[in-house]
Amino acid sequence: MILMKDIIREGHPTLTKKAAPVKLPVSIADRNLGFSLLQYVINSQDDELAKKYGLRAGVGLAAPQINVSKRMFAMHVHDLDGKLYSMIVVNPVITHHSREMTYIPGGEGCLSVDRETEGITPRYVSIRMKAYIYDLQSNDFVLREMDLDGYPATVFQHEYDHLDGIMYTTKLYLEVPGATPLFDLYETEEDEI
């Protein structure tokens, strides 16, 4: 079980290094690593477990954050309509993205960053990605192409950056002209319906 003590912090060299691709087919050890990443995120969102084990809440965790330089991460996040995106992602590639940009008002956070940060991080509103995603029915990693938008797309991009050795703290801006606050995107959609 991954705990906060296992998560490396800002300044550690692994966090600024491009991670190596995961060898395919995914080994049992790498599969277990993916399960552990996902389990941390799920446990961290459970108030009782988070308190018991001293976990900071998160919606994603990348292998480099536990000092394993491999292109793998897990995310467990609901979009603002309540749809759950819970997945273990291996060797992802963003194949397309929108021109429109968004950001989380108040800024992003990260389990590897213990300090308060000022500024916002621009992200694409929507992305198309290709990756090996763990499939429960086949009990294997399956190559999939998927479109994500809004909050799940933002979380995906944050974790994807970790695989390239990029921390959100290096992408902070006081403002991003033309970018729409993430939660305003959903309000606009609701107003139009």
N, C-alpha and C. Protein backbone atom coordinates (compact mmCIF):
# COMPACT_ATOMS: atom_id res chain seq x y z
N MET A 1 0.85 -1.19 0.00
CA MET A 1 0.00 0.00 0.00
C MET A 1 0.89 1.25 0.00
N ILE A 2 0.62 2.14 -0.94
CA ILE A 2 1.38 3.39 -1.03
C ILE A 2 0.87 4.35 0.04
N LEU A 3 1.82 4.97 0.74
CA LEU A 3 1.52 5.97 1.76
C LEU A 3 2.20 7.28 1.37
N MET A 4 1.89 8.36 2.09
CA MET A 4 2.49 9.66 1.77
C MET A 4 4.01 9.61 1.85
N LYS A 5 4.56 8.81 2.75
CA LYS A 5 6.03 8.72 2.88
C LYS A 5 6.67 8.14 1.61
N ASP A 6 5.90 7.45 0.79
CA ASP A 6 6.41 6.85 -0.44
C ASP A 6 6.42 7.82 -1.62
N ILE A 7 5.74 8.94 -1.46
CA ILE A 7 5.62 9.92 -2.55
C ILE A 7 6.77 10.91 -2.45
N ILE A 8 7.58 10.98 -3.51
CA ILE A 8 8.71 11.90 -3.50
C ILE A 8 8.21 13.32 -3.74
N ARG A 9 9.01 14.28 -3.28
CA ARG A 9 8.58 15.67 -3.30
C ARG A 9 9.36 16.49 -4.32
N GLU A 10 8.78 17.63 -4.62
CA GLU A 10 9.36 18.62 -5.51
C GLU A 10 10.85 18.78 -5.18
N GLY A 11 11.68 18.78 -6.21
CA GLY A 11 13.12 18.88 -6.03
C GLY A 11 13.83 17.55 -6.24
N HIS A 12 13.10 16.45 -6.15
CA HIS A 12 13.70 15.13 -6.38
C HIS A 12 13.98 14.99 -7.88
N PRO A 13 15.17 14.49 -8.26
CA PRO A 13 15.52 14.42 -9.69
C PRO A 13 14.60 13.55 -10.54
N THR A 14 13.99 12.53 -9.99
CA THR A 14 13.09 11.68 -10.78
C THR A 14 11.91 12.47 -11.32
N LEU A 15 11.49 13.50 -10.60
CA LEU A 15 10.33 14.29 -11.02
C LEU A 15 10.62 15.20 -12.21
N THR A 16 11.89 15.38 -12.55
CA THR A 16 12.24 16.25 -13.68
C THR A 16 12.86 15.47 -14.83
N LYS A 17 12.70 14.17 -14.80
CA LYS A 17 13.28 13.29 -15.82
C LYS A 17 12.17 12.63 -16.63
N LYS A 18 12.38 12.50 -17.94
CA LYS A 18 11.40 11.81 -18.78
C LYS A 18 11.40 10.32 -18.43
N ALA A 19 10.21 9.78 -18.16
CA ALA A 19 10.08 8.38 -17.75
C ALA A 19 10.21 7.45 -18.95
N ALA A 20 10.67 6.24 -18.68
CA ALA A 20 10.85 5.22 -19.71
C ALA A 20 9.53 4.53 -20.01
N PRO A 21 9.33 4.12 -21.26
CA PRO A 21 8.11 3.36 -21.58
C PRO A 21 8.04 2.06 -20.78
N VAL A 22 6.83 1.64 -20.49
CA VAL A 22 6.60 0.36 -19.82
C VAL A 22 6.74 -0.73 -20.89
N LYS A 23 7.49 -1.77 -20.59
CA LYS A 23 7.65 -2.88 -21.54
C LYS A 23 6.34 -3.64 -21.68
N LEU A 24 6.06 -4.02 -22.93
CA LEU A 24 4.83 -4.76 -23.23
C LEU A 24 5.17 -6.19 -23.61
N PRO A 25 4.35 -7.16 -23.30
CA PRO A 25 3.13 -7.01 -22.51
C PRO A 25 3.48 -6.60 -21.08
N VAL A 26 2.52 -5.94 -20.43
CA VAL A 26 2.72 -5.42 -19.08
C VAL A 26 2.99 -6.59 -18.13
N SER A 27 4.09 -6.50 -17.41
CA SER A 27 4.48 -7.56 -16.48
C SER A 27 3.57 -7.57 -15.25
N ILE A 28 3.63 -8.65 -14.51
CA ILE A 28 2.85 -8.74 -13.26
C ILE A 28 3.30 -7.65 -12.30
N ALA A 29 4.61 -7.40 -12.23
CA ALA A 29 5.12 -6.36 -11.33
C ALA A 29 4.57 -4.98 -11.72
N ASP A 30 4.56 -4.67 -13.03
CA ASP A 30 4.03 -3.38 -13.47
C ASP A 30 2.52 -3.31 -13.29
N ARG A 31 1.84 -4.41 -13.49
CA ARG A 31 0.39 -4.45 -13.25
C ARG A 31 0.12 -4.14 -11.76
N ASN A 32 0.89 -4.75 -10.88
CA ASN A 32 0.72 -4.50 -9.44
C ASN A 32 1.05 -3.06 -9.08
N LEU A 33 2.05 -2.50 -9.76
CA LEU A 33 2.37 -1.09 -9.56
C LEU A 33 1.16 -0.23 -9.92
N GLY A 34 0.55 -0.50 -11.07
CA GLY A 34 -0.64 0.24 -11.49
C GLY A 34 -1.77 0.11 -10.49
N PHE A 35 -2.01 -1.10 -10.01
CA PHE A 35 -3.05 -1.31 -9.00
C PHE A 35 -2.76 -0.49 -7.75
N SER A 36 -1.49 -0.45 -7.34
CA SER A 36 -1.11 0.31 -6.14
C SER A 36 -1.34 1.81 -6.33
N LEU A 37 -1.00 2.32 -7.51
CA LEU A 37 -1.23 3.74 -7.79
C LEU A 37 -2.72 4.07 -7.70
N LEU A 38 -3.53 3.23 -8.34
CA LEU A 38 -4.98 3.46 -8.33
C LEU A 38 -5.54 3.32 -6.91
N GLN A 39 -5.06 2.34 -6.18
CA GLN A 39 -5.56 2.12 -4.83
C GLN A 39 -5.25 3.31 -3.93
N TYR A 40 -4.06 3.92 -4.10
CA TYR A 40 -3.75 5.11 -3.31
C TYR A 40 -4.80 6.20 -3.57
N VAL A 41 -5.05 6.46 -4.85
CA VAL A 41 -5.98 7.55 -5.20
C VAL A 41 -7.37 7.26 -4.65
N ILE A 42 -7.84 6.04 -4.79
CA ILE A 42 -9.17 5.68 -4.27
C ILE A 42 -9.18 5.81 -2.75
N ASN A 43 -8.17 5.27 -2.08
CA ASN A 43 -8.10 5.35 -0.61
C ASN A 43 -8.04 6.80 -0.13
N SER A 44 -7.31 7.64 -0.87
CA SER A 44 -7.15 9.03 -0.45
C SER A 44 -8.45 9.81 -0.52
N GLN A 45 -9.41 9.32 -1.30
CA GLN A 45 -10.70 10.00 -1.41
C GLN A 45 -11.72 9.47 -0.40
N ASP A 46 -11.34 8.47 0.36
CA ASP A 46 -12.18 7.90 1.42
C ASP A 46 -11.76 8.57 2.73
N ASP A 47 -12.64 9.39 3.30
CA ASP A 47 -12.29 10.17 4.49
C ASP A 47 -11.74 9.31 5.62
N GLU A 48 -12.36 8.17 5.85
CA GLU A 48 -11.94 7.30 6.96
C GLU A 48 -10.54 6.73 6.71
N LEU A 49 -10.30 6.21 5.51
CA LEU A 49 -8.98 5.65 5.19
C LEU A 49 -7.91 6.74 5.13
N ALA A 50 -8.27 7.89 4.57
CA ALA A 50 -7.31 8.99 4.47
C ALA A 50 -6.85 9.43 5.86
N LYS A 51 -7.79 9.52 6.78
CA LYS A 51 -7.45 9.91 8.15
C LYS A 51 -6.61 8.82 8.82
N LYS A 52 -7.03 7.58 8.69
CA LYS A 52 -6.34 6.46 9.34
C LYS A 52 -4.88 6.35 8.90
N TYR A 53 -4.62 6.54 7.59
CA TYR A 53 -3.28 6.36 7.06
C TYR A 53 -2.55 7.67 6.75
N GLY A 54 -3.17 8.81 7.06
CA GLY A 54 -2.52 10.10 6.83
C GLY A 54 -2.32 10.41 5.36
N LEU A 55 -3.31 10.09 4.53
CA LEU A 55 -3.21 10.30 3.08
C LEU A 55 -3.74 11.67 2.69
N ARG A 56 -3.01 12.36 1.82
CA ARG A 56 -3.55 13.58 1.22
C ARG A 56 -4.41 13.17 0.04
N ALA A 57 -5.56 13.81 -0.07
CA ALA A 57 -6.48 13.47 -1.15
C ALA A 57 -5.87 13.82 -2.51
N GLY A 58 -6.11 12.94 -3.47
CA GLY A 58 -5.65 13.17 -4.82
C GLY A 58 -6.59 12.52 -5.81
N VAL A 59 -6.50 12.94 -7.06
CA VAL A 59 -7.31 12.34 -8.12
C VAL A 59 -6.45 11.60 -9.13
N GLY A 60 -5.13 11.72 -8.99
CA GLY A 60 -4.21 11.02 -9.87
C GLY A 60 -2.87 10.83 -9.20
N LEU A 61 -2.15 9.82 -9.64
CA LEU A 61 -0.81 9.56 -9.12
C LEU A 61 -0.01 8.87 -10.23
N ALA A 62 1.16 9.43 -10.53
CA ALA A 62 2.02 8.88 -11.58
C ALA A 62 3.18 8.09 -10.96
N ALA A 63 3.62 7.07 -11.67
CA ALA A 63 4.73 6.23 -11.18
C ALA A 63 5.96 7.05 -10.80
N PRO A 64 6.36 8.08 -11.57
CA PRO A 64 7.53 8.86 -11.15
C PRO A 64 7.36 9.50 -9.76
N GLN A 65 6.14 9.73 -9.33
CA GLN A 65 5.92 10.33 -8.02
C GLN A 65 6.25 9.38 -6.87
N ILE A 66 6.38 8.09 -7.17
CA ILE A 66 6.84 7.16 -6.14
C ILE A 66 8.24 6.63 -6.52
N ASN A 67 8.96 7.46 -7.29
CA ASN A 67 10.35 7.21 -7.67
C ASN A 67 10.51 5.98 -8.57
N VAL A 68 9.50 5.73 -9.40
CA VAL A 68 9.56 4.67 -10.41
C VAL A 68 9.42 5.37 -11.76
N SER A 69 10.51 5.47 -12.49
CA SER A 69 10.52 6.25 -13.72
C SER A 69 9.97 5.43 -14.90
N LYS A 70 8.66 5.22 -14.86
CA LYS A 70 7.96 4.49 -15.92
C LYS A 70 6.74 5.29 -16.36
N ARG A 71 6.35 5.12 -17.63
CA ARG A 71 5.24 5.89 -18.19
C ARG A 71 3.91 5.21 -17.83
N MET A 72 3.53 5.44 -16.59
CA MET A 72 2.30 4.85 -16.05
C MET A 72 1.71 5.80 -15.01
N PHE A 73 0.39 5.92 -15.02
CA PHE A 73 -0.28 6.65 -13.94
C PHE A 73 -1.68 6.09 -13.75
N ALA A 74 -2.26 6.49 -12.64
CA ALA A 74 -3.65 6.12 -12.34
C ALA A 74 -4.42 7.39 -12.08
N MET A 75 -5.70 7.37 -12.45
CA MET A 75 -6.58 8.48 -12.12
C MET A 75 -7.94 7.93 -11.72
N HIS A 76 -8.57 8.63 -10.79
CA HIS A 76 -9.88 8.23 -10.28
C HIS A 76 -10.61 9.54 -10.02
N VAL A 77 -11.40 9.96 -11.01
CA VAL A 77 -11.99 11.29 -10.96
C VAL A 77 -13.37 11.26 -11.61
N HIS A 78 -14.26 12.04 -11.05
CA HIS A 78 -15.59 12.23 -11.64
C HIS A 78 -15.58 13.53 -12.44
N ASP A 79 -16.26 13.52 -13.56
CA ASP A 79 -16.45 14.79 -14.24
C ASP A 79 -17.55 15.55 -13.50
N LEU A 80 -17.82 16.75 -13.93
CA LEU A 80 -18.79 17.57 -13.20
C LEU A 80 -20.22 17.10 -13.39
N ASP A 81 -20.42 16.12 -14.28
CA ASP A 81 -21.74 15.51 -14.44
C ASP A 81 -21.86 14.21 -13.64
N GLY A 82 -20.79 13.84 -12.92
CA GLY A 82 -20.82 12.66 -12.07
C GLY A 82 -20.30 11.38 -12.70
N LYS A 83 -19.88 11.42 -13.97
CA LYS A 83 -19.34 10.22 -14.62
C LYS A 83 -17.94 9.94 -14.08
N LEU A 84 -17.69 8.68 -13.71
CA LEU A 84 -16.41 8.27 -13.14
C LEU A 84 -15.42 7.86 -14.22
N TYR A 85 -14.21 8.38 -14.11
CA TYR A 85 -13.08 7.98 -14.95
C TYR A 85 -12.04 7.39 -14.01
N SER A 86 -12.04 6.07 -13.89
CA SER A 86 -11.11 5.38 -12.99
C SER A 86 -10.28 4.44 -13.85
N MET A 87 -8.98 4.72 -13.96
CA MET A 87 -8.18 3.93 -14.89
C MET A 87 -6.71 3.91 -14.53
N ILE A 88 -6.07 2.83 -14.96
CA ILE A 88 -4.62 2.71 -14.93
C ILE A 88 -4.17 2.90 -16.37
N VAL A 89 -3.28 3.85 -16.59
CA VAL A 89 -2.88 4.27 -17.93
C VAL A 89 -1.40 3.95 -18.14
N VAL A 90 -1.08 3.26 -19.22
CA VAL A 90 0.29 2.86 -19.53
C VAL A 90 0.68 3.39 -20.92
N ASN A 91 1.87 3.98 -21.00
CA ASN A 91 2.44 4.48 -22.26
C ASN A 91 1.47 5.37 -23.04
N PRO A 92 0.91 6.38 -22.38
CA PRO A 92 -0.06 7.24 -23.08
C PRO A 92 0.59 8.18 -24.09
N VAL A 93 -0.20 8.54 -25.09
CA VAL A 93 0.18 9.55 -26.07
C VAL A 93 -1.05 10.42 -26.29
N ILE A 94 -0.86 11.73 -26.24
CA ILE A 94 -1.95 12.65 -26.60
C ILE A 94 -1.84 12.85 -28.11
N THR A 95 -2.86 12.38 -28.83
CA THR A 95 -2.81 12.40 -30.29
C THR A 95 -3.48 13.63 -30.90
N HIS A 96 -4.31 14.29 -30.11
CA HIS A 96 -5.02 15.48 -30.60
C HIS A 96 -5.47 16.28 -29.38
N HIS A 97 -5.58 17.57 -29.57
CA HIS A 97 -6.12 18.41 -28.49
C HIS A 97 -6.85 19.60 -29.10
N SER A 98 -7.73 20.15 -28.31
CA SER A 98 -8.49 21.32 -28.74
C SER A 98 -7.57 22.53 -28.82
N ARG A 99 -8.03 23.54 -29.48
CA ARG A 99 -7.32 24.83 -29.46
C ARG A 99 -7.69 25.59 -28.20
N GLU A 100 -8.91 25.35 -27.72
CA GLU A 100 -9.40 26.07 -26.55
C GLU A 100 -8.66 25.61 -25.30
N MET A 101 -8.38 26.59 -24.45
CA MET A 101 -7.67 26.32 -23.21
C MET A 101 -8.59 26.57 -22.01
N THR A 102 -8.26 25.90 -20.91
CA THR A 102 -8.99 26.07 -19.66
C THR A 102 -7.99 26.04 -18.52
N TYR A 103 -8.48 26.26 -17.32
CA TYR A 103 -7.64 26.17 -16.12
C TYR A 103 -8.55 25.99 -14.92
N ILE A 104 -7.97 25.48 -13.84
CA ILE A 104 -8.72 25.33 -12.60
C ILE A 104 -8.58 26.63 -11.82
N PRO A 105 -9.69 27.33 -11.57
CA PRO A 105 -9.61 28.56 -10.78
C PRO A 105 -9.00 28.24 -9.41
N GLY A 106 -8.09 29.07 -8.98
CA GLY A 106 -7.42 28.81 -7.70
C GLY A 106 -6.19 27.94 -7.87
N GLY A 107 -6.01 27.38 -9.06
CA GLY A 107 -4.80 26.61 -9.35
C GLY A 107 -4.91 25.13 -9.06
N GLU A 108 -3.94 24.40 -9.56
CA GLU A 108 -3.85 22.95 -9.36
C GLU A 108 -3.08 22.65 -8.09
N GLY A 109 -3.16 21.40 -7.67
CA GLY A 109 -2.36 20.91 -6.55
C GLY A 109 -1.67 19.64 -7.00
N CYS A 110 -0.78 19.14 -6.15
CA CYS A 110 -0.01 17.94 -6.49
C CYS A 110 0.47 17.28 -5.21
N LEU A 111 0.39 15.97 -5.17
CA LEU A 111 0.85 15.22 -4.00
C LEU A 111 2.35 15.36 -3.79
N SER A 112 3.09 15.75 -4.82
CA SER A 112 4.53 15.94 -4.71
C SER A 112 4.92 17.37 -4.37
N VAL A 113 3.94 18.24 -4.19
CA VAL A 113 4.21 19.65 -3.88
C VAL A 113 3.58 19.97 -2.53
N ASP A 114 4.42 20.32 -1.57
CA ASP A 114 3.95 20.58 -0.21
C ASP A 114 3.70 22.06 0.07
N ARG A 115 3.96 22.92 -0.89
CA ARG A 115 3.82 24.36 -0.65
C ARG A 115 2.61 24.92 -1.38
N GLU A 116 2.18 26.07 -0.91
CA GLU A 116 1.12 26.80 -1.61
C GLU A 116 1.73 27.41 -2.87
N THR A 117 0.99 27.39 -3.96
CA THR A 117 1.48 28.01 -5.20
C THR A 117 0.47 29.06 -5.64
N GLU A 118 0.98 30.06 -6.33
CA GLU A 118 0.11 31.10 -6.88
C GLU A 118 0.12 30.98 -8.39
N GLY A 119 -1.04 31.12 -8.97
CA GLY A 119 -1.13 31.10 -10.41
C GLY A 119 -1.98 29.95 -10.91
N ILE A 120 -2.18 29.95 -12.21
CA ILE A 120 -3.00 28.93 -12.85
C ILE A 120 -2.18 28.22 -13.93
N THR A 121 -2.59 27.01 -14.23
CA THR A 121 -1.89 26.19 -15.22
C THR A 121 -2.82 25.96 -16.40
N PRO A 122 -2.47 26.48 -17.58
CA PRO A 122 -3.34 26.27 -18.74
C PRO A 122 -3.33 24.82 -19.20
N ARG A 123 -4.51 24.34 -19.54
CA ARG A 123 -4.68 22.97 -20.07
C ARG A 123 -5.63 23.04 -21.26
N TYR A 124 -5.52 22.05 -22.13
CA TYR A 124 -6.47 21.96 -23.24
C TYR A 124 -7.83 21.54 -22.71
N VAL A 125 -8.89 22.12 -23.25
CA VAL A 125 -10.25 21.77 -22.84
C VAL A 125 -10.53 20.31 -23.12
N SER A 126 -10.10 19.82 -24.29
CA SER A 126 -10.35 18.42 -24.63
C SER A 126 -9.10 17.82 -25.28
N ILE A 127 -8.96 16.52 -25.09
CA ILE A 127 -7.84 15.80 -25.68
C ILE A 127 -8.32 14.47 -26.24
N ARG A 128 -7.58 13.93 -27.16
CA ARG A 128 -7.74 12.54 -27.60
C ARG A 128 -6.43 11.86 -27.23
N MET A 129 -6.55 10.73 -26.57
CA MET A 129 -5.35 10.03 -26.16
C MET A 129 -5.43 8.58 -26.58
N LYS A 130 -4.24 7.99 -26.72
CA LYS A 130 -4.11 6.56 -27.00
C LYS A 130 -3.20 6.01 -25.91
N ALA A 131 -3.62 4.90 -25.30
CA ALA A 131 -2.83 4.31 -24.21
C ALA A 131 -3.28 2.89 -23.97
N TYR A 132 -2.47 2.16 -23.26
CA TYR A 132 -2.87 0.85 -22.76
C TYR A 132 -3.59 1.10 -21.44
N ILE A 133 -4.85 0.71 -21.39
CA ILE A 133 -5.71 0.92 -20.23
C ILE A 133 -6.06 -0.44 -19.65
N TYR A 134 -5.98 -0.55 -18.33
CA TYR A 134 -6.33 -1.82 -17.72
C TYR A 134 -7.82 -2.08 -17.92
N ASP A 135 -8.13 -3.27 -18.42
CA ASP A 135 -9.51 -3.68 -18.68
C ASP A 135 -9.88 -4.80 -17.70
N LEU A 136 -10.85 -4.53 -16.85
CA LEU A 136 -11.26 -5.47 -15.81
C LEU A 136 -11.77 -6.78 -16.39
N GLN A 137 -12.53 -6.70 -17.48
CA GLN A 137 -13.13 -7.92 -18.04
C GLN A 137 -12.10 -8.88 -18.61
N SER A 138 -11.10 -8.34 -19.29
CA SER A 138 -10.07 -9.22 -19.86
C SER A 138 -8.90 -9.42 -18.90
N ASN A 139 -8.89 -8.66 -17.81
CA ASN A 139 -7.81 -8.71 -16.82
C ASN A 139 -6.45 -8.47 -17.49
N ASP A 140 -6.46 -7.51 -18.42
CA ASP A 140 -5.23 -7.20 -19.15
C ASP A 140 -5.26 -5.73 -19.56
N PHE A 141 -4.12 -5.26 -20.05
CA PHE A 141 -4.05 -3.90 -20.57
C PHE A 141 -4.37 -3.94 -22.05
N VAL A 142 -5.29 -3.08 -22.47
CA VAL A 142 -5.80 -3.07 -23.84
C VAL A 142 -5.52 -1.70 -24.44
N LEU A 143 -5.02 -1.68 -25.68
CA LEU A 143 -4.77 -0.41 -26.36
C LEU A 143 -6.11 0.23 -26.70
N ARG A 144 -6.30 1.45 -26.22
CA ARG A 144 -7.55 2.17 -26.44
C ARG A 144 -7.26 3.59 -26.87
N GLU A 145 -8.20 4.13 -27.62
CA GLU A 145 -8.19 5.55 -27.95
C GLU A 145 -9.42 6.14 -27.28
N MET A 146 -9.25 7.30 -26.66
CA MET A 146 -10.34 7.85 -25.87
C MET A 146 -10.30 9.37 -25.93
N ASP A 147 -11.48 9.98 -25.95
CA ASP A 147 -11.61 11.43 -25.87
C ASP A 147 -11.95 11.79 -24.43
N LEU A 148 -11.28 12.81 -23.92
CA LEU A 148 -11.57 13.33 -22.59
C LEU A 148 -11.75 14.83 -22.70
N ASP A 149 -12.63 15.37 -21.89
CA ASP A 149 -12.75 16.82 -21.85
C ASP A 149 -13.03 17.28 -20.42
N GLY A 150 -12.90 18.59 -20.23
CA GLY A 150 -13.16 19.17 -18.91
C GLY A 150 -12.19 18.67 -17.85
N TYR A 151 -12.72 18.39 -16.67
CA TYR A 151 -11.89 18.02 -15.53
C TYR A 151 -11.09 16.74 -15.76
N PRO A 152 -11.67 15.65 -16.28
CA PRO A 152 -10.85 14.46 -16.55
C PRO A 152 -9.68 14.75 -17.52
N ALA A 153 -9.91 15.60 -18.52
CA ALA A 153 -8.83 15.96 -19.45
C ALA A 153 -7.73 16.73 -18.72
N THR A 154 -8.12 17.61 -17.81
CA THR A 154 -7.15 18.37 -17.03
C THR A 154 -6.31 17.45 -16.15
N VAL A 155 -6.97 16.53 -15.46
CA VAL A 155 -6.25 15.57 -14.60
C VAL A 155 -5.31 14.72 -15.45
N PHE A 156 -5.79 14.23 -16.58
CA PHE A 156 -4.95 13.42 -17.47
C PHE A 156 -3.70 14.20 -17.87
N GLN A 157 -3.86 15.46 -18.28
CA GLN A 157 -2.71 16.26 -18.71
C GLN A 157 -1.72 16.50 -17.58
N HIS A 158 -2.23 16.71 -16.36
CA HIS A 158 -1.36 16.90 -15.20
C HIS A 158 -0.50 15.65 -14.98
N GLU A 159 -1.13 14.47 -14.98
CA GLU A 159 -0.40 13.22 -14.76
C GLU A 159 0.54 12.92 -15.94
N TYR A 160 0.09 13.20 -17.15
CA TYR A 160 0.90 13.00 -18.35
C TYR A 160 2.18 13.83 -18.27
N ASP A 161 2.06 15.06 -17.79
CA ASP A 161 3.24 15.91 -17.61
C ASP A 161 4.27 15.25 -16.70
N HIS A 162 3.81 14.59 -15.63
CA HIS A 162 4.76 13.90 -14.74
C HIS A 162 5.61 12.90 -15.52
N LEU A 163 5.04 12.25 -16.51
CA LEU A 163 5.78 11.25 -17.29
C LEU A 163 6.86 11.89 -18.15
N ASP A 164 6.70 13.17 -18.44
CA ASP A 164 7.70 13.91 -19.22
C ASP A 164 8.61 14.75 -18.34
N GLY A 165 8.52 14.56 -17.02
CA GLY A 165 9.38 15.31 -16.10
C GLY A 165 8.98 16.76 -15.92
N ILE A 166 7.70 17.04 -16.13
CA ILE A 166 7.20 18.41 -16.03
C ILE A 166 6.29 18.53 -14.81
N MET A 167 6.59 19.49 -13.96
CA MET A 167 5.75 19.77 -12.80
C MET A 167 4.85 20.96 -13.13
N TYR A 168 3.63 20.94 -12.61
CA TYR A 168 2.72 22.05 -12.89
C TYR A 168 3.29 23.37 -12.39
N THR A 169 4.18 23.31 -11.39
CA THR A 169 4.77 24.52 -10.83
C THR A 169 5.65 25.25 -11.84
N THR A 170 6.05 24.58 -12.91
CA THR A 170 6.85 25.23 -13.95
C THR A 170 5.97 25.83 -15.05
N LYS A 171 4.65 25.68 -14.90
CA LYS A 171 3.70 26.15 -15.91
C LYS A 171 2.68 27.10 -15.30
N LEU A 172 3.08 27.84 -14.27
CA LEU A 172 2.14 28.73 -13.58
C LEU A 172 2.12 30.11 -14.23
N TYR A 173 0.92 30.64 -14.41
CA TYR A 173 0.74 31.98 -14.95
C TYR A 173 -0.27 32.72 -14.09
N LEU A 174 -0.15 34.04 -14.03
CA LEU A 174 -1.13 34.82 -13.28
C LEU A 174 -2.45 34.88 -14.02
N GLU A 175 -2.37 34.87 -15.35
CA GLU A 175 -3.59 34.81 -16.17
C GLU A 175 -3.26 34.17 -17.51
N VAL A 176 -4.28 33.64 -18.13
CA VAL A 176 -4.11 33.03 -19.45
C VAL A 176 -5.18 33.63 -20.36
N PRO A 177 -4.81 34.66 -21.14
CA PRO A 177 -5.79 35.30 -22.01
C PRO A 177 -6.46 34.29 -22.94
N GLY A 178 -7.77 34.37 -23.02
CA GLY A 178 -8.54 33.50 -23.90
C GLY A 178 -8.92 32.17 -23.29
N ALA A 179 -8.35 31.82 -22.15
CA ALA A 179 -8.69 30.55 -21.50
C ALA A 179 -9.93 30.73 -20.63
N THR A 180 -10.77 29.71 -20.61
CA THR A 180 -12.01 29.74 -19.83
C THR A 180 -11.81 28.96 -18.54
N PRO A 181 -12.20 29.53 -17.39
CA PRO A 181 -12.12 28.75 -16.15
C PRO A 181 -12.89 27.44 -16.31
N LEU A 182 -12.31 26.35 -15.84
CA LEU A 182 -12.87 25.02 -16.04
C LEU A 182 -14.33 24.94 -15.66
N PHE A 183 -14.70 25.45 -14.51
CA PHE A 183 -16.06 25.28 -14.04
C PHE A 183 -17.04 26.16 -14.80
N ASP A 184 -16.55 27.24 -15.43
CA ASP A 184 -17.41 28.06 -16.29
C ASP A 184 -17.82 27.30 -17.54
N LEU A 185 -16.98 26.38 -18.01
CA LEU A 185 -17.32 25.57 -19.19
C LEU A 185 -18.61 24.80 -18.94
N TYR A 186 -18.72 24.24 -17.75
CA TYR A 186 -19.90 23.44 -17.42
C TYR A 186 -21.13 24.32 -17.24
N GLU A 187 -20.95 25.50 -16.64
CA GLU A 187 -22.09 26.41 -16.47
C GLU A 187 -22.61 26.86 -17.82
N THR A 188 -21.72 27.13 -18.76
CA THR A 188 -22.12 27.56 -20.10
C THR A 188 -22.92 26.45 -20.78
N GLU A 189 -22.44 25.20 -20.66
CA GLU A 189 -23.15 24.08 -21.28
C GLU A 189 -24.54 23.93 -20.68
N GLU A 190 -24.67 24.08 -19.37
CA GLU A 190 -25.97 23.93 -18.72
C GLU A 190 -26.91 25.04 -19.15
N ASP A 191 -26.37 26.26 -19.30
CA ASP A 191 -27.19 27.38 -19.72
C ASP A 191 -27.74 27.16 -21.12
N GLU A 192 -26.99 26.48 -21.97
CA GLU A 192 -27.40 26.28 -23.35
C GLU A 192 -28.44 25.17 -23.49
N ILE A 193 -28.53 24.28 -22.54
CA ILE A 193 -29.44 23.14 -22.64
C ILE A 193 -30.87 23.55 -22.37
